[in-house]
Amino acid sequence: MQRSPAAKVCTGRLGGLSDKKVSKARVCMRRIIALLTVLTLFSGCASQAIEGPPVPLGDFKLGHNVVVATKMQQGPVSRSATEEEWIASMTKAIDDRFRRYDGNQLYHLGVSIEAFMLAPPGVPVVYTPKSILILNVTLWDDVDGRKLNEAPHQVLVLESTGTDSVFIGSGWGRNKQKQLDGLSFNAVKAIETWLVERSAEYGWFTPDERVAPAEAERPKEIPASPS
């Protein structure tokens, strides 16, 4: 049977050790194997669920849900994922969250998946890579046929850490589809937060809505630390 990376970490220095130290190392190996098994079982119970009622978004009602991935770039150590897989996952996440809104005016969301990294299996505790997703979002007003944000809004999200990934990394505790869906869920939640902020700042989803200028989507400068 092939040894796991965790087992190799524990047993790599057995040579030349006393019987007592060898025994302790073997106990360490057994404990890590048991931990991997338990956390893998827990991962089967983990799920993404939308909790609570929709946040207030005025007259918003989702019209077209357009997701593209033609410019998508994959990170160097990432698990592979196709454009079709990302489009399917993101489209479902958007529908699940935004089809709950039943306002009086249609708005269209355009999402472009720019880059991703799906964490591969690492070395428990020592190296636990996290998955990441970057995308751009544009909102369209159906009545006026105009974009409400002059420049695309960029969303960058990491995967959530749960019992299946905190010690061993999501590459062990989650398969590729769970990583895709988890990142899509987090990204769409971030889009919802952005819509709420723009509604407050520019009157989106109200009779007084205004177009958000390109400057509104520029990254905010981090204030310098006091000397």
Protein backbone atom coordinates (compact mmCIF):
# COMPACT_ATOMS: atom_id res chain seq x y z
CA MET A 1 0.00 0.00 0.00
CA GLN A 2 1.34 3.44 -0.96
CA ARG A 3 2.10 5.65 2.02
CA SER A 4 0.46 9.05 2.35
CA PRO A 5 2.61 12.21 2.55
CA ALA A 6 1.67 12.41 6.21
CA ALA A 7 3.09 8.97 6.82
CA LYS A 8 6.31 9.87 5.03
CA VAL A 9 6.73 12.98 7.19
CA CYS A 10 6.50 10.85 10.30
CA THR A 11 8.64 7.95 9.15
CA GLY A 12 11.30 9.70 7.07
CA ARG A 13 13.78 9.79 9.97
CA LEU A 14 13.26 6.40 11.52
CA GLY A 15 16.63 5.09 10.54
CA GLY A 16 19.14 5.17 13.38
CA LEU A 17 16.64 6.05 16.08
CA SER A 18 16.17 4.15 19.31
CA ASP A 19 13.32 1.67 19.69
CA LYS A 20 11.52 4.12 21.98
CA LYS A 21 11.72 6.95 19.42
CA VAL A 22 10.69 4.61 16.61
CA SER A 23 7.65 3.58 18.65
CA LYS A 24 6.69 7.23 19.18
CA ALA A 25 7.10 7.94 15.48
CA ARG A 26 4.80 5.05 14.62
CA VAL A 27 2.19 6.33 17.06
CA CYS A 28 2.46 9.73 15.36
CA MET A 29 1.91 8.12 11.98
CA ARG A 30 -1.15 6.20 13.15
CA ARG A 31 -2.68 9.35 14.67
CA ILE A 32 -2.23 11.35 11.47
CA ILE A 33 -3.74 8.56 9.38
CA ALA A 34 -6.71 8.45 11.75
CA LEU A 35 -7.06 12.24 11.50
CA LEU A 36 -7.07 12.09 7.69
CA THR A 37 -9.77 9.43 7.76
CA VAL A 38 -12.04 11.31 10.16
CA LEU A 39 -11.72 14.64 8.35
CA THR A 40 -12.40 12.99 5.01
CA LEU A 41 -15.62 11.55 6.44
CA PHE A 42 -16.60 14.98 7.76
CA SER A 43 -16.07 16.47 4.32
CA GLY A 44 -18.93 14.38 2.98
CA CYS A 45 -21.31 16.22 5.33
CA ALA A 46 -20.13 19.74 4.42
CA SER A 47 -22.40 21.80 2.16
CA GLN A 48 -22.94 25.36 1.01
CA ALA A 49 -26.34 26.72 2.05
CA ILE A 50 -27.89 30.17 1.76
CA GLU A 51 -29.14 31.17 5.19
CA GLY A 52 -31.82 33.72 5.98
CA PRO A 53 -34.01 35.84 3.70
CA PRO A 54 -32.60 37.90 0.80
CA VAL A 55 -30.93 41.17 1.78
CA PRO A 56 -32.83 44.30 0.61
CA LEU A 57 -32.09 45.15 -3.03
CA GLY A 58 -34.98 47.44 -3.97
CA ASP A 59 -36.51 46.73 -7.39
CA PHE A 60 -33.88 44.14 -8.34
CA LYS A 61 -34.95 41.08 -10.28
CA LEU A 62 -32.39 38.96 -12.12
CA GLY A 63 -32.82 38.83 -15.87
CA HIS A 64 -29.97 37.32 -17.88
CA ASN A 65 -27.27 35.39 -16.04
CA VAL A 66 -24.28 35.38 -18.39
CA VAL A 67 -21.04 33.67 -17.35
CA VAL A 68 -18.00 33.44 -19.64
CA ALA A 69 -14.55 31.97 -19.11
CA THR A 70 -12.75 32.62 -22.38
CA LYS A 71 -9.93 34.57 -20.69
CA MET A 72 -9.61 32.19 -17.75
CA GLN A 73 -6.11 31.40 -16.51
CA GLN A 74 -5.20 28.43 -14.33
CA GLY A 75 -2.68 28.68 -11.51
CA PRO A 76 0.58 26.74 -11.88
CA VAL A 77 -0.09 24.11 -9.17
CA SER A 78 -3.86 23.96 -9.62
CA ARG A 79 -6.08 21.02 -10.32
CA SER A 80 -7.44 21.32 -13.85
CA ALA A 81 -10.97 22.58 -14.51
CA THR A 82 -12.62 23.33 -17.84
CA GLU A 83 -14.50 26.45 -18.94
CA GLU A 84 -17.68 24.40 -19.03
CA GLU A 85 -17.23 23.23 -15.43
CA TRP A 86 -16.69 26.77 -14.16
CA ILE A 87 -19.60 28.20 -16.16
CA ALA A 88 -21.97 25.51 -14.86
CA SER A 89 -20.90 25.99 -11.23
CA MET A 90 -21.01 29.80 -11.33
CA THR A 91 -24.32 29.95 -13.23
CA LYS A 92 -25.98 27.72 -10.65
CA ALA A 93 -24.58 29.74 -7.72
CA ILE A 94 -25.89 32.99 -9.25
CA ASP A 95 -29.31 31.50 -9.92
CA ASP A 96 -29.55 30.01 -6.43
CA ARG A 97 -28.88 33.35 -4.74
CA PHE A 98 -30.39 35.94 -7.06
CA ARG A 99 -33.50 34.18 -8.39
CA ARG A 100 -34.89 34.67 -4.89
CA TYR A 101 -35.36 38.39 -5.58
CA ASP A 102 -38.70 39.42 -7.06
CA GLY A 103 -38.45 43.15 -7.72
CA ASN A 104 -40.21 45.12 -10.43
CA GLN A 105 -37.27 45.71 -12.77
CA LEU A 106 -34.94 43.37 -14.60
CA TYR A 107 -31.17 43.63 -14.26
CA HIS A 108 -28.63 41.47 -16.05
CA LEU A 109 -25.39 40.12 -14.56
CA GLY A 110 -22.33 39.49 -16.68
CA VAL A 111 -19.51 37.53 -15.06
CA SER A 112 -16.10 36.81 -16.56
CA ILE A 113 -13.98 34.22 -14.78
CA GLU A 114 -10.42 35.52 -14.96
CA ALA A 115 -8.21 33.14 -12.96
CA PHE A 116 -8.35 30.32 -10.46
CA MET A 117 -6.29 27.92 -8.43
CA LEU A 118 -7.85 24.72 -7.11
CA ALA A 119 -5.67 23.44 -4.29
CA PRO A 120 -4.07 20.04 -4.92
CA PRO A 121 -3.35 17.62 -2.06
CA GLY A 122 -0.53 18.97 0.06
CA VAL A 123 1.29 17.77 3.16
CA PRO A 124 -1.00 17.89 6.21
CA VAL A 125 -0.12 20.68 8.66
CA VAL A 126 3.14 21.45 6.80
CA TYR A 127 1.74 22.56 3.42
CA THR A 128 -2.01 23.16 3.06
CA PRO A 129 -2.68 25.24 -0.08
CA LYS A 130 -5.97 27.13 -0.41
CA SER A 131 -8.09 27.55 -3.52
CA ILE A 132 -8.68 31.01 -5.00
CA LEU A 133 -10.92 32.55 -7.66
CA ILE A 134 -10.78 35.91 -9.46
CA LEU A 135 -13.61 37.22 -11.62
CA ASN A 136 -15.02 40.45 -13.08
CA VAL A 137 -18.67 41.51 -12.80
CA THR A 138 -20.81 43.95 -14.77
CA LEU A 139 -24.44 44.89 -14.07
CA TRP A 140 -26.84 45.99 -16.81
CA ASP A 141 -30.11 47.91 -16.46
CA ASP A 142 -32.68 46.27 -18.74
CA VAL A 143 -34.91 49.35 -19.14
CA ASP A 144 -32.16 51.75 -20.25
CA GLY A 145 -29.90 49.10 -21.76
CA ARG A 146 -26.86 50.55 -20.00
CA LYS A 147 -24.10 49.33 -17.76
CA LEU A 148 -24.41 50.54 -14.20
CA ASN A 149 -20.68 50.21 -13.52
CA GLU A 150 -18.38 51.88 -16.03
CA ALA A 151 -15.50 49.58 -15.10
CA PRO A 152 -15.88 45.90 -14.21
CA HIS A 153 -15.95 45.11 -10.51
CA GLN A 154 -13.27 42.58 -9.59
CA VAL A 155 -13.99 39.88 -7.03
CA LEU A 156 -11.25 37.83 -5.39
CA VAL A 157 -12.28 35.07 -3.00
CA LEU A 158 -10.63 32.24 -1.12
CA GLU A 159 -12.34 29.00 -0.26
CA SER A 160 -13.86 28.66 3.19
CA THR A 161 -11.93 26.66 5.75
CA GLY A 162 -13.87 23.84 7.37
CA THR A 163 -13.29 20.65 9.31
CA ASP A 164 -12.25 18.99 6.07
CA SER A 165 -9.46 21.43 5.24
CA VAL A 166 -8.14 23.25 8.30
CA PHE A 167 -5.32 20.77 8.97
CA ILE A 168 -4.95 18.85 5.73
CA GLY A 169 -5.88 21.39 3.03
CA SER A 170 -8.91 21.17 0.77
CA GLY A 171 -6.99 19.13 -1.79
CA TRP A 172 -7.34 16.15 0.55
CA GLY A 173 -10.76 16.83 2.07
CA ARG A 174 -12.63 18.06 -1.03
CA ASN A 175 -12.84 16.85 -4.60
CA LYS A 176 -12.63 19.25 -7.52
CA GLN A 177 -16.39 19.79 -7.79
CA LYS A 178 -16.68 20.76 -4.13
CA GLN A 179 -13.85 23.25 -4.56
CA LEU A 180 -15.52 24.73 -7.66
CA ASP A 181 -18.88 25.05 -5.95
CA GLY A 182 -17.40 26.44 -2.74
CA LEU A 183 -15.53 29.19 -4.59
CA SER A 184 -18.58 29.99 -6.73
CA PHE A 185 -20.72 30.26 -3.60
CA ASN A 186 -18.28 32.66 -1.94
CA ALA A 187 -17.88 34.73 -5.11
CA VAL A 188 -21.63 35.18 -5.57
CA LYS A 189 -21.99 36.16 -1.92
CA ALA A 190 -19.33 38.82 -2.55
CA ILE A 191 -21.27 40.02 -5.61
CA GLU A 192 -24.39 40.37 -3.46
CA THR A 193 -22.45 42.46 -0.95
CA TRP A 194 -21.19 44.67 -3.79
CA LEU A 195 -24.74 45.23 -5.07
CA VAL A 196 -25.87 46.26 -1.59
CA GLU A 197 -22.98 48.73 -1.33
CA ARG A 198 -23.67 50.25 -4.76
CA SER A 199 -27.36 50.51 -3.94
CA ALA A 200 -26.46 52.64 -0.92
CA GLU A 201 -23.85 54.72 -2.76
CA TYR A 202 -25.43 55.17 -6.21
CA GLY A 203 -29.10 54.41 -5.67
CA TRP A 204 -29.05 51.19 -7.66
CA PHE A 205 -32.44 49.43 -7.88
CA THR A 206 -34.28 52.68 -7.10
CA PRO A 207 -35.76 55.43 -9.34
CA ASP A 208 -32.69 57.55 -8.56
CA GLU A 209 -30.02 55.06 -9.63
CA ARG A 210 -26.81 56.43 -11.11
CA VAL A 211 -23.94 54.87 -13.01
CA ALA A 212 -20.95 54.09 -10.81
CA PRO A 213 -17.86 55.74 -12.32
CA ALA A 214 -14.73 53.79 -13.14
CA GLU A 215 -13.02 55.33 -10.13
CA ALA A 216 -15.42 53.50 -7.86
CA GLU A 217 -13.93 50.17 -8.92
CA ARG A 218 -10.29 51.07 -8.47
CA PRO A 219 -8.56 49.24 -5.61
CA LYS A 220 -8.48 51.37 -2.50
CA GLU A 221 -5.03 52.46 -1.34
CA ILE A 222 -3.81 50.98 1.90
CA PRO A 223 -2.93 53.80 4.29
CA ALA A 224 0.73 53.99 5.23
CA SER A 225 1.69 52.79 8.69
CA PRO A 226 2.51 55.59 11.12
CA SER A 227 6.22 56.04 11.52
